[in-house]
Amino acid sequence: MKLFSITQTPFDAVRFCTSWLLSPALLFGFRAVISLYIFVAIYVILGEDQAQSASTARHEFSYFTNLSYWGLAFYFAFAAMHTAIYWRSGKPFLAQWPKALQIAHSVFYSTIVVFPWLVTSMAIASFIF
């Protein structure tokens, strides 16, 4: 048995660039707008924190909530880039990557899918209890 069954099943790079609901052009726009919104929100919050107290902005990467938000911002930025390349050329950019980076991208995707729900549920649980 190979690690992660790399030789048994091929990597499907198209699934990261397409949607069953939206065309690649609309999916690119959707992902780009979400990424832009998240980055603007992060920098506005950092600017407000810096204006109030310099010590709070220094602890931006100390909390799992902030790390999850940064992860979402970069995921949507790179997903928009991959979708734009697929939309323009018809070939997924991820298919050209080495297998190790394809696996790393799949792991990053799984963290983006799971961590925001984990952070939200932990925040709700800490509020209730």
Foldseek 3Di string as FASTA:
>chain_A
DDVVCPVPDPQDLVVLQDDPVDGLVVLLVVLVVVLVVLVVVVVVVLVVCCVVPVVVSVCQVVDLVSVLSVLSNVSSVVSSVQSVVCNVPVDGPLNPDDPVVSVVVVVSVVCNVPSVVVVVVVVVVVVVD
